[in-house]
PDB file of all heavy atoms in Angstrom:
ATOM      1  N   VAL A   1      69.731 107.080 125.008  1.00  0.00           N
ATOM      2  CA  VAL A   1      68.923 107.475 123.844  1.00  0.00           C
ATOM      3  C   VAL A   1      68.868 108.994 123.780  1.00  0.00           C
ATOM      4  O   VAL A   1      68.658 109.662 124.800  1.00  0.00           O
ATOM      5  CB  VAL A   1      67.473 106.922 123.944  1.00  0.00           C
ATOM      6  CG1 VAL A   1      66.637 107.365 122.746  1.00  0.00           C
ATOM      7  CG2 VAL A   1      67.479 105.404 124.061  1.00  0.00           C
ATOM      8  N   ILE A   2      69.045 109.525 122.581  1.00  0.00           N
ATOM      9  CA  ILE A   2      68.869 110.973 122.390  1.00  0.00           C
ATOM     10  C   ILE A   2      67.658 111.186 121.498  1.00  0.00           C
ATOM     11  O   ILE A   2      67.356 110.359 120.631  1.00  0.00           O
ATOM     12  CB  ILE A   2      70.139 111.624 121.800  1.00  0.00           C
ATOM     13  CG1 ILE A   2      70.083 113.137 121.995  1.00  0.00           C
ATOM     14  CG2 ILE A   2      70.359 111.251 120.337  1.00  0.00           C
ATOM     15  CD1 ILE A   2      71.434 113.784 122.071  1.00  0.00           C
ATOM     16  N   MET A   3      66.933 112.280 121.722  1.00  0.00           N
ATOM     17  CA  MET A   3      65.682 112.472 120.987  1.00  0.00           C
ATOM     18  C   MET A   3      65.385 113.953 120.806  1.00  0.00           C
ATOM     19  O   MET A   3      65.519 114.750 121.740  1.00  0.00           O
ATOM     20  CB  MET A   3      64.544 111.800 121.756  1.00  0.00           C
ATOM     21  CG  MET A   3      63.222 111.818 121.042  1.00  0.00           C
ATOM     22  SD  MET A   3      62.040 110.725 121.871  1.00  0.00           S
ATOM     23  CE  MET A   3      60.635 110.901 120.749  1.00  0.00           C
ATOM     24  N   ALA A   4      64.988 114.306 119.590  1.00  0.00           N
ATOM     25  CA  ALA A   4      64.528 115.670 119.321  1.00  0.00           C
ATOM     26  C   ALA A   4      63.056 115.755 119.674  1.00  0.00           C
ATOM     27  O   ALA A   4      62.254 114.950 119.199  1.00  0.00           O
ATOM     28  CB  ALA A   4      64.732 115.997 117.839  1.00  0.00           C
ATOM     29  N   LEU A   5      62.705 116.711 120.506  1.00  0.00           N
ATOM     30  CA  LEU A   5      61.303 116.899 120.900  1.00  0.00           C
ATOM     31  C   LEU A   5      60.761 118.174 120.269  1.00  0.00           C
ATOM     32  O   LEU A   5      61.495 119.148 120.070  1.00  0.00           O
ATOM     33  CB  LEU A   5      61.198 116.965 122.418  1.00  0.00           C
ATOM     34  CG  LEU A   5      61.577 115.651 123.127  1.00  0.00           C
ATOM     35  CD1 LEU A   5      61.682 115.854 124.617  1.00  0.00           C
ATOM     36  CD2 LEU A   5      60.571 114.577 122.809  1.00  0.00           C
ATOM     37  N   SER A   6      59.464 118.148 119.954  1.00  0.00           N
ATOM     38  CA  SER A   6      58.869 119.283 119.248  1.00  0.00           C
ATOM     39  C   SER A   6      57.752 119.944 120.033  1.00  0.00           C
ATOM     40  O   SER A   6      57.261 121.003 119.642  1.00  0.00           O
ATOM     41  CB  SER A   6      58.297 118.796 117.913  1.00  0.00           C
ATOM     42  OG  SER A   6      57.203 117.918 118.152  1.00  0.00           O
ATOM     43  N   GLY A   7      57.315 119.303 121.122  1.00  0.00           N
ATOM     44  CA  GLY A   7      56.134 119.800 121.829  1.00  0.00           C
ATOM     45  C   GLY A   7      54.865 119.190 121.291  1.00  0.00           C
ATOM     46  O   GLY A   7      53.781 119.404 121.828  1.00  0.00           O
ATOM     47  N   GLY A   8      54.975 118.395 120.199  1.00  0.00           N
ATOM     48  CA  GLY A   8      53.813 117.742 119.615  1.00  0.00           C
ATOM     49  C   GLY A   8      53.436 116.472 120.364  1.00  0.00           C
ATOM     50  O   GLY A   8      54.187 115.971 121.208  1.00  0.00           O
ATOM     51  N   VAL A   9      52.266 115.947 120.029  1.00  0.00           N
ATOM     52  CA  VAL A   9      51.729 114.769 120.721  1.00  0.00           C
ATOM     53  C   VAL A   9      52.636 113.554 120.527  1.00  0.00           C
ATOM     54  O   VAL A   9      52.993 112.872 121.492  1.00  0.00           O
ATOM     55  CB  VAL A   9      50.307 114.451 120.198  1.00  0.00           C
ATOM     56  CG1 VAL A   9      49.771 113.176 120.834  1.00  0.00           C
ATOM     57  CG2 VAL A   9      49.360 115.610 120.465  1.00  0.00           C
ATOM     58  N   ASP A  10      53.026 113.274 119.275  1.00  0.00           N
ATOM     59  CA  ASP A  10      53.748 112.036 118.983  1.00  0.00           C
ATOM     60  C   ASP A  10      55.097 111.972 119.693  1.00  0.00           C
ATOM     61  O   ASP A  10      55.415 110.983 120.353  1.00  0.00           O
ATOM     62  CB  ASP A  10      53.950 111.879 117.463  1.00  0.00           C
ATOM     63  CG  ASP A  10      52.634 111.872 116.698  1.00  0.00           C
ATOM     64  OD1 ASP A  10      51.602 111.549 117.316  1.00  0.00           O
ATOM     65  OD2 ASP A  10      52.641 112.196 115.502  1.00  0.00           O
ATOM     66  N   SER A  11      55.895 113.038 119.554  1.00  0.00           N
ATOM     67  CA  SER A  11      57.231 112.999 120.160  1.00  0.00           C
ATOM     68  C   SER A  11      57.133 112.980 121.686  1.00  0.00           C
ATOM     69  O   SER A  11      57.937 112.330 122.362  1.00  0.00           O
ATOM     70  CB  SER A  11      58.096 114.172 119.680  1.00  0.00           C
ATOM     71  OG  SER A  11      57.629 115.406 120.167  1.00  0.00           O
ATOM     72  N   THR A  12      56.132 113.658 122.242  1.00  0.00           N
ATOM     73  CA  THR A  12      55.979 113.696 123.703  1.00  0.00           C
ATOM     74  C   THR A  12      55.601 112.328 124.257  1.00  0.00           C
ATOM     75  O   THR A  12      56.164 111.863 125.260  1.00  0.00           O
ATOM     76  CB  THR A  12      54.925 114.737 124.107  1.00  0.00           C
ATOM     77  OG1 THR A  12      55.320 116.023 123.608  1.00  0.00           O
ATOM     78  CG2 THR A  12      54.760 114.804 125.614  1.00  0.00           C
ATOM     79  N   VAL A  13      54.646 111.656 123.619  1.00  0.00           N
ATOM     80  CA  VAL A  13      54.223 110.330 124.093  1.00  0.00           C
ATOM     81  C   VAL A  13      55.359 109.321 123.915  1.00  0.00           C
ATOM     82  O   VAL A  13      55.633 108.512 124.809  1.00  0.00           O
ATOM     83  CB  VAL A  13      52.938 109.865 123.361  1.00  0.00           C
ATOM     84  CG1 VAL A  13      52.580 108.431 123.742  1.00  0.00           C
ATOM     85  CG2 VAL A  13      51.770 110.796 123.687  1.00  0.00           C
ATOM     86  N   ALA A  14      56.045 109.394 122.766  1.00  0.00           N
ATOM     87  CA  ALA A  14      57.176 108.483 122.531  1.00  0.00           C
ATOM     88  C   ALA A  14      58.255 108.681 123.596  1.00  0.00           C
ATOM     89  O   ALA A  14      58.787 107.708 124.160  1.00  0.00           O
ATOM     90  CB  ALA A  14      57.747 108.709 121.135  1.00  0.00           C
ATOM     91  N   ALA A  15      58.581 109.933 123.883  1.00  0.00           N
ATOM     92  CA  ALA A  15      59.613 110.231 124.879  1.00  0.00           C
ATOM     93  C   ALA A  15      59.193 109.741 126.265  1.00  0.00           C
ATOM     94  O   ALA A  15      60.016 109.213 127.026  1.00  0.00           O
ATOM     95  CB  ALA A  15      59.887 111.733 124.913  1.00  0.00           C
ATOM     96  N   THR A  16      57.931 109.896 126.601  1.00  0.00           N
ATOM     97  CA  THR A  16      57.444 109.475 127.922  1.00  0.00           C
ATOM     98  C   THR A  16      57.553 107.965 128.083  1.00  0.00           C
ATOM     99  O   THR A  16      57.919 107.452 129.151  1.00  0.00           O
ATOM    100  CB  THR A  16      55.998 109.960 128.146  1.00  0.00           C
ATOM    101  OG1 THR A  16      55.927 111.369 127.908  1.00  0.00           O
ATOM    102  CG2 THR A  16      55.531 109.674 129.563  1.00  0.00           C
ATOM    103  N   LEU A  17      57.236 107.219 127.006  1.00  0.00           N
ATOM    104  CA  LEU A  17      57.370 105.759 127.049  1.00  0.00           C
ATOM    105  C   LEU A  17      58.837 105.352 127.233  1.00  0.00           C
ATOM    106  O   LEU A  17      59.157 104.477 128.038  1.00  0.00           O
ATOM    107  CB  LEU A  17      56.825 105.141 125.759  1.00  0.00           C
ATOM    108  CG  LEU A  17      55.297 105.042 125.653  1.00  0.00           C
ATOM    109  CD1 LEU A  17      54.886 104.747 124.215  1.00  0.00           C
ATOM    110  CD2 LEU A  17      54.751 103.959 126.586  1.00  0.00           C
ATOM    111  N   ILE A  18      59.732 105.998 126.477  1.00  0.00           N
ATOM    112  CA  ILE A  18      61.159 105.677 126.572  1.00  0.00           C
ATOM    113  C   ILE A  18      61.674 106.020 127.978  1.00  0.00           C
ATOM    114  O   ILE A  18      62.415 105.249 128.600  1.00  0.00           O
ATOM    115  CB  ILE A  18      61.973 106.408 125.492  1.00  0.00           C
ATOM    116  CG1 ILE A  18      61.550 105.932 124.091  1.00  0.00           C
ATOM    117  CG2 ILE A  18      63.467 106.182 125.683  1.00  0.00           C
ATOM    118  CD1 ILE A  18      62.099 106.781 122.948  1.00  0.00           C
ATOM    119  N   HIS A  19      61.245 107.178 128.491  1.00  0.00           N
ATOM    120  CA  HIS A  19      61.661 107.601 129.833  1.00  0.00           C
ATOM    121  C   HIS A  19      61.177 106.607 130.888  1.00  0.00           C
ATOM    122  O   HIS A  19      61.885 106.302 131.849  1.00  0.00           O
ATOM    123  CB  HIS A  19      61.106 108.999 130.133  1.00  0.00           C
ATOM    124  CG  HIS A  19      61.478 109.509 131.492  1.00  0.00           C
ATOM    125  ND1 HIS A  19      60.639 109.375 132.582  1.00  0.00           N
ATOM    126  CD2 HIS A  19      62.595 110.127 131.963  1.00  0.00           C
ATOM    127  CE1 HIS A  19      61.218 109.903 133.644  1.00  0.00           C
ATOM    128  NE2 HIS A  19      62.403 110.354 133.299  1.00  0.00           N
ATOM    129  N   LYS A  20      59.973 106.093 130.689  1.00  0.00           N
ATOM    130  CA  LYS A  20      59.423 105.114 131.639  1.00  0.00           C
ATOM    131  C   LYS A  20      60.276 103.842 131.649  1.00  0.00           C
ATOM    132  O   LYS A  20      60.401 103.172 132.669  1.00  0.00           O
ATOM    133  CB  LYS A  20      57.981 104.786 131.230  1.00  0.00           C
ATOM    134  CG  LYS A  20      57.092 104.294 132.354  1.00  0.00           C
ATOM    135  CD  LYS A  20      55.642 104.267 131.898  1.00  0.00           C
ATOM    136  CE  LYS A  20      54.731 103.553 132.879  1.00  0.00           C
ATOM    137  NZ  LYS A  20      54.654 104.195 134.183  1.00  0.00           N
ATOM    138  N   ALA A  21      60.894 103.557 130.496  1.00  0.00           N
ATOM    139  CA  ALA A  21      61.717 102.347 130.391  1.00  0.00           C
ATOM    140  C   ALA A  21      63.132 102.562 130.913  1.00  0.00           C
ATOM    141  O   ALA A  21      63.708 101.664 131.542  1.00  0.00           O
ATOM    142  CB  ALA A  21      61.767 101.871 128.938  1.00  0.00           C
ATOM    143  N   ILE A  22      63.722 103.747 130.670  1.00  0.00           N
ATOM    144  CA  ILE A  22      65.162 103.922 130.987  1.00  0.00           C
ATOM    145  C   ILE A  22      65.470 105.154 131.831  1.00  0.00           C
ATOM    146  O   ILE A  22      66.634 105.457 132.099  1.00  0.00           O
ATOM    147  CB  ILE A  22      66.014 103.969 129.694  1.00  0.00           C
ATOM    148  CG1 ILE A  22      65.665 105.206 128.842  1.00  0.00           C
ATOM    149  CG2 ILE A  22      65.856 102.688 128.885  1.00  0.00           C
ATOM    150  CD1 ILE A  22      66.663 105.479 127.730  1.00  0.00           C
ATOM    151  N   GLY A  23      64.446 105.916 132.222  1.00  0.00           N
ATOM    152  CA  GLY A  23      64.670 107.079 133.080  1.00  0.00           C
ATOM    153  C   GLY A  23      65.498 108.155 132.395  1.00  0.00           C
ATOM    154  O   GLY A  23      65.330 108.426 131.204  1.00  0.00           O
ATOM    155  N   ASP A  24      66.419 108.742 133.149  1.00  0.00           N
ATOM    156  CA  ASP A  24      67.177 109.892 132.639  1.00  0.00           C
ATOM    157  C   ASP A  24      68.293 109.527 131.662  1.00  0.00           C
ATOM    158  O   ASP A  24      69.076 110.389 131.263  1.00  0.00           O
ATOM    159  CB  ASP A  24      67.762 110.700 133.816  1.00  0.00           C
ATOM    160  CG  ASP A  24      66.693 111.544 134.494  1.00  0.00           C
ATOM    161  OD1 ASP A  24      65.576 111.603 133.942  1.00  0.00           O
ATOM    162  OD2 ASP A  24      66.957 112.118 135.559  1.00  0.00           O
ATOM    163  N   ARG A  25      68.348 108.256 131.252  1.00  0.00           N
ATOM    164  CA  ARG A  25      69.255 107.908 130.142  1.00  0.00           C
ATOM    165  C   ARG A  25      68.658 108.313 128.801  1.00  0.00           C
ATOM    166  O   ARG A  25      69.255 108.126 127.754  1.00  0.00           O
ATOM    167  CB  ARG A  25      69.593 106.412 130.171  1.00  0.00           C
ATOM    168  CG  ARG A  25      70.630 106.070 131.232  1.00  0.00           C
ATOM    169  CD  ARG A  25      71.061 104.620 131.186  1.00  0.00           C
ATOM    170  NE  ARG A  25      70.025 103.711 131.635  1.00  0.00           N
ATOM    171  CZ  ARG A  25      69.483 102.753 130.883  1.00  0.00           C
ATOM    172  NH1 ARG A  25      69.886 102.569 129.646  1.00  0.00           N
ATOM    173  NH2 ARG A  25      68.554 101.965 131.375  1.00  0.00           N
ATOM    174  N   LEU A  26      67.437 108.856 128.829  1.00  0.00           N
ATOM    175  CA  LEU A  26      66.875 109.525 127.649  1.00  0.00           C
ATOM    176  C   LEU A  26      67.227 111.003 127.745  1.00  0.00           C
ATOM    177  O   LEU A  26      66.910 111.672 128.737  1.00  0.00           O
ATOM    178  CB  LEU A  26      65.349 109.380 127.598  1.00  0.00           C
ATOM    179  CG  LEU A  26      64.658 110.267 126.559  1.00  0.00           C
ATOM    180  CD1 LEU A  26      65.013 109.848 125.137  1.00  0.00           C
ATOM    181  CD2 LEU A  26      63.144 110.280 126.739  1.00  0.00           C
ATOM    182  N   TYR A  27      67.901 111.517 126.711  1.00  0.00           N
ATOM    183  CA  TYR A  27      68.285 112.927 126.662  1.00  0.00           C
ATOM    184  C   TYR A  27      67.453 113.610 125.576  1.00  0.00           C
ATOM    185  O   TYR A  27      67.658 113.373 124.392  1.00  0.00           O
ATOM    186  CB  TYR A  27      69.782 113.062 126.349  1.00  0.00           C
ATOM    187  CG  TYR A  27      70.669 112.534 127.447  1.00  0.00           C
ATOM    188  CD1 TYR A  27      70.937 111.167 127.544  1.00  0.00           C
ATOM    189  CD2 TYR A  27      71.219 113.383 128.399  1.00  0.00           C
ATOM    190  CE1 TYR A  27      71.743 110.668 128.559  1.00  0.00           C
ATOM    191  CE2 TYR A  27      72.029 112.896 129.414  1.00  0.00           C
ATOM    192  CZ  TYR A  27      72.277 111.538 129.492  1.00  0.00           C
ATOM    193  OH  TYR A  27      73.066 111.049 130.503  1.00  0.00           O
ATOM    194  N   GLY A  28      66.497 114.429 126.010  1.00  0.00           N
ATOM    195  CA  GLY A  28      65.661 115.155 125.061  1.00  0.00           C
ATOM    196  C   GLY A  28      66.241 116.522 124.734  1.00  0.00           C
ATOM    197  O   GLY A  28      66.824 117.181 125.602  1.00  0.00           O
ATOM    198  N   ILE A  29      66.081 116.923 123.476  1.00  0.00           N
ATOM    199  CA  ILE A  29      66.539 118.245 123.048  1.00  0.00           C
ATOM    200  C   ILE A  29      65.380 118.955 122.367  1.00  0.00           C
ATOM    201  O   ILE A  29      64.785 118.439 121.416  1.00  0.00           O
ATOM    202  CB  ILE A  29      67.747 118.130 122.085  1.00  0.00           C
ATOM    203  CG1 ILE A  29      68.950 117.537 122.824  1.00  0.00           C
ATOM    204  CG2 ILE A  29      68.101 119.483 121.490  1.00  0.00           C
ATOM    205  CD1 ILE A  29      70.129 117.212 121.935  1.00  0.00           C
ATOM    206  N   PHE A  30      65.044 120.141 122.881  1.00  0.00           N
ATOM    207  CA  PHE A  30      63.941 120.940 122.331  1.00  0.00           C
ATOM    208  C   PHE A  30      64.520 122.263 121.858  1.00  0.00           C
ATOM    209  O   PHE A  30      65.035 123.050 122.653  1.00  0.00           O
ATOM    210  CB  PHE A  30      62.871 121.141 123.404  1.00  0.00           C
ATOM    211  CG  PHE A  30      61.687 121.955 122.952  1.00  0.00           C
ATOM    212  CD1 PHE A  30      61.131 121.806 121.692  1.00  0.00           C
ATOM    213  CD2 PHE A  30      61.107 122.879 123.815  1.00  0.00           C
ATOM    214  CE1 PHE A  30      60.036 122.545 121.280  1.00  0.00           C
ATOM    215  CE2 PHE A  30      60.000 123.635 123.423  1.00  0.00           C
ATOM    216  CZ  PHE A  30      59.473 123.457 122.148  1.00  0.00           C
ATOM    217  N   VAL A  31      64.467 122.481 120.545  1.00  0.00           N
ATOM    218  CA  VAL A  31      65.114 123.642 119.928  1.00  0.00           C
ATOM    219  C   VAL A  31      64.095 124.741 119.651  1.00  0.00           C
ATOM    220  O   VAL A  31      63.061 124.495 119.010  1.00  0.00           O
ATOM    221  CB  VAL A  31      65.811 123.234 118.601  1.00  0.00           C
ATOM    222  CG1 VAL A  31      66.440 124.447 117.926  1.00  0.00           C
ATOM    223  CG2 VAL A  31      66.859 122.158 118.859  1.00  0.00           C
ATOM    224  N   ASP A  32      64.384 125.946 120.103  1.00  0.00           N
ATOM    225  CA  ASP A  32      63.575 127.114 119.731  1.00  0.00           C
ATOM    226  C   ASP A  32      64.142 127.660 118.421  1.00  0.00           C
ATOM    227  O   ASP A  32      65.199 128.299 118.400  1.00  0.00           O
ATOM    228  CB  ASP A  32      63.629 128.185 120.817  1.00  0.00           C
ATOM    229  CG  ASP A  32      62.691 129.357 120.531  1.00  0.00           C
ATOM    230  OD1 ASP A  32      62.128 129.406 119.403  1.00  0.00           O
ATOM    231  OD2 ASP A  32      62.516 130.220 121.410  1.00  0.00           O
ATOM    232  N   ASN A  33      63.435 127.389 117.334  1.00  0.00           N
ATOM    233  CA  ASN A  33      63.906 127.812 116.004  1.00  0.00           C
ATOM    234  C   ASN A  33      63.406 129.204 115.609  1.00  0.00           C
ATOM    235  O   ASN A  33      63.550 129.629 114.463  1.00  0.00           O
ATOM    236  CB  ASN A  33      63.496 126.781 114.939  1.00  0.00           C
ATOM    237  CG  ASN A  33      61.984 126.567 114.912  1.00  0.00           C
ATOM    238  OD1 ASN A  33      61.226 127.343 115.494  1.00  0.00           O
ATOM    239  ND2 ASN A  33      61.544 125.511 114.240  1.00  0.00           N
ATOM    240  N   GLY A  34      62.777 129.885 116.565  1.00  0.00           N
ATOM    241  CA  GLY A  34      62.329 131.250 116.289  1.00  0.00           C
ATOM    242  C   GLY A  34      60.972 131.346 115.633  1.00  0.00           C
ATOM    243  O   GLY A  34      60.436 132.444 115.486  1.00  0.00           O
ATOM    244  N   VAL A  35      60.410 130.197 115.204  1.00  0.00           N
ATOM    245  CA  VAL A  35      59.105 130.242 114.530  1.00  0.00           C
ATOM    246  C   VAL A  35      58.097 129.330 115.241  1.00  0.00           C
ATOM    247  O   VAL A  35      57.207 128.742 114.619  1.00  0.00           O
ATOM    248  CB  VAL A  35      59.232 129.881 113.023  1.00  0.00           C
ATOM    249  CG1 VAL A  35      59.809 131.047 112.248  1.00  0.00           C
ATOM    250  CG2 VAL A  35      60.085 128.644 112.794  1.00  0.00           C
ATOM    251  N   LEU A  36      58.251 129.208 116.560  1.00  0.00           N
ATOM    252  CA  LEU A  36      57.252 128.531 117.378  1.00  0.00           C
ATOM    253  C   LEU A  36      56.104 129.502 117.669  1.00  0.00           C
ATOM    254  O   LEU A  36      56.185 130.694 117.378  1.00  0.00           O
ATOM    255  CB  LEU A  36      57.876 128.074 118.699  1.00  0.00           C
ATOM    256  CG  LEU A  36      59.040 127.083 118.597  1.00  0.00           C
ATOM    257  CD1 LEU A  36      59.642 126.833 119.984  1.00  0.00           C
ATOM    258  CD2 LEU A  36      58.591 125.774 117.971  1.00  0.00           C
ATOM    259  N   ARG A  37      55.037 128.984 118.268  1.00  0.00           N
ATOM    260  CA  ARG A  37      53.925 129.856 118.649  1.00  0.00           C
ATOM    261  C   ARG A  37      54.300 130.692 119.879  1.00  0.00           C
ATOM    262  O   ARG A  37      55.310 130.422 120.538  1.00  0.00           O
ATOM    263  CB  ARG A  37      52.681 129.003 118.913  1.00  0.00           C
ATOM    264  CG  ARG A  37      52.079 128.448 117.632  1.00  0.00           C
ATOM    265  CD  ARG A  37      51.071 127.347 117.866  1.00  0.00           C
ATOM    266  NE  ARG A  37      51.715 126.085 118.206  1.00  0.00           N
ATOM    267  CZ  ARG A  37      51.143 124.892 118.043  1.00  0.00           C
ATOM    268  NH1 ARG A  37      49.920 124.820 117.535  1.00  0.00           N
ATOM    269  NH2 ARG A  37      51.768 123.788 118.380  1.00  0.00           N
ATOM    270  N   LYS A  38      53.484 131.684 120.178  1.00  0.00           N
ATOM    271  CA  LYS A  38      53.777 132.615 121.270  1.00  0.00           C
ATOM    272  C   LYS A  38      53.930 131.867 122.602  1.00  0.00           C
ATOM    273  O   LYS A  38      53.075 131.068 122.981  1.00  0.00           O
ATOM    274  CB  LYS A  38      52.661 133.653 121.386  1.00  0.00           C
ATOM    275  CG  LYS A  38      52.951 134.729 122.416  1.00  0.00           C
ATOM    276  CD  LYS A  38      51.912 135.839 122.385  1.00  0.00           C
ATOM    277  CE  LYS A  38      52.269 136.940 123.376  1.00  0.00           C
ATOM    278  NZ  LYS A  38      51.320 138.073 123.305  1.00  0.00           N
ATOM    279  N   ASN A  39      55.035 132.147 123.281  1.00  0.00           N
ATOM    280  CA  ASN A  39      55.348 131.565 124.606  1.00  0.00           C
ATOM    281  C   ASN A  39      55.496 130.041 124.592  1.00  0.00           C
ATOM    282  O   ASN A  39      55.599 129.408 125.648  1.00  0.00           O
ATOM    283  CB  ASN A  39      54.271 131.934 125.653  1.00  0.00           C
ATOM    284  CG  ASN A  39      54.127 133.434 125.808  1.00  0.00           C
ATOM    285  OD1 ASN A  39      55.104 134.170 125.680  1.00  0.00           O
ATOM    286  ND2 ASN A  39      52.915 133.896 126.059  1.00  0.00           N
ATOM    287  N   GLU A  40      55.494 129.430 123.400  1.00  0.00           N
ATOM    288  CA  GLU A  40      55.467 127.974 123.315  1.00  0.00           C
ATOM    289  C   GLU A  40      56.737 127.336 123.882  1.00  0.00           C
ATOM    290  O   GLU A  40      56.672 126.295 124.545  1.00  0.00           O
ATOM    291  CB  GLU A  40      55.286 127.542 121.853  1.00  0.00           C
ATOM    292  CG  GLU A  40      55.194 126.039 121.660  1.00  0.00           C
ATOM    293  CD  GLU A  40      54.832 125.658 120.233  1.00  0.00           C
ATOM    294  OE1 GLU A  40      55.051 126.462 119.308  1.00  0.00           O
ATOM    295  OE2 GLU A  40      54.329 124.539 120.052  1.00  0.00           O
TER     296      GLU A  40
END
């Protein structure tokens, strides 16, 4: 499974559930688009 993560509650909880089911066969991608909050 591949998944775009945002740092938000929904994507984080969803990813954690998927990871609990399949471990590192979940590949998360978190993109710094330049308009995140400071140090986020």
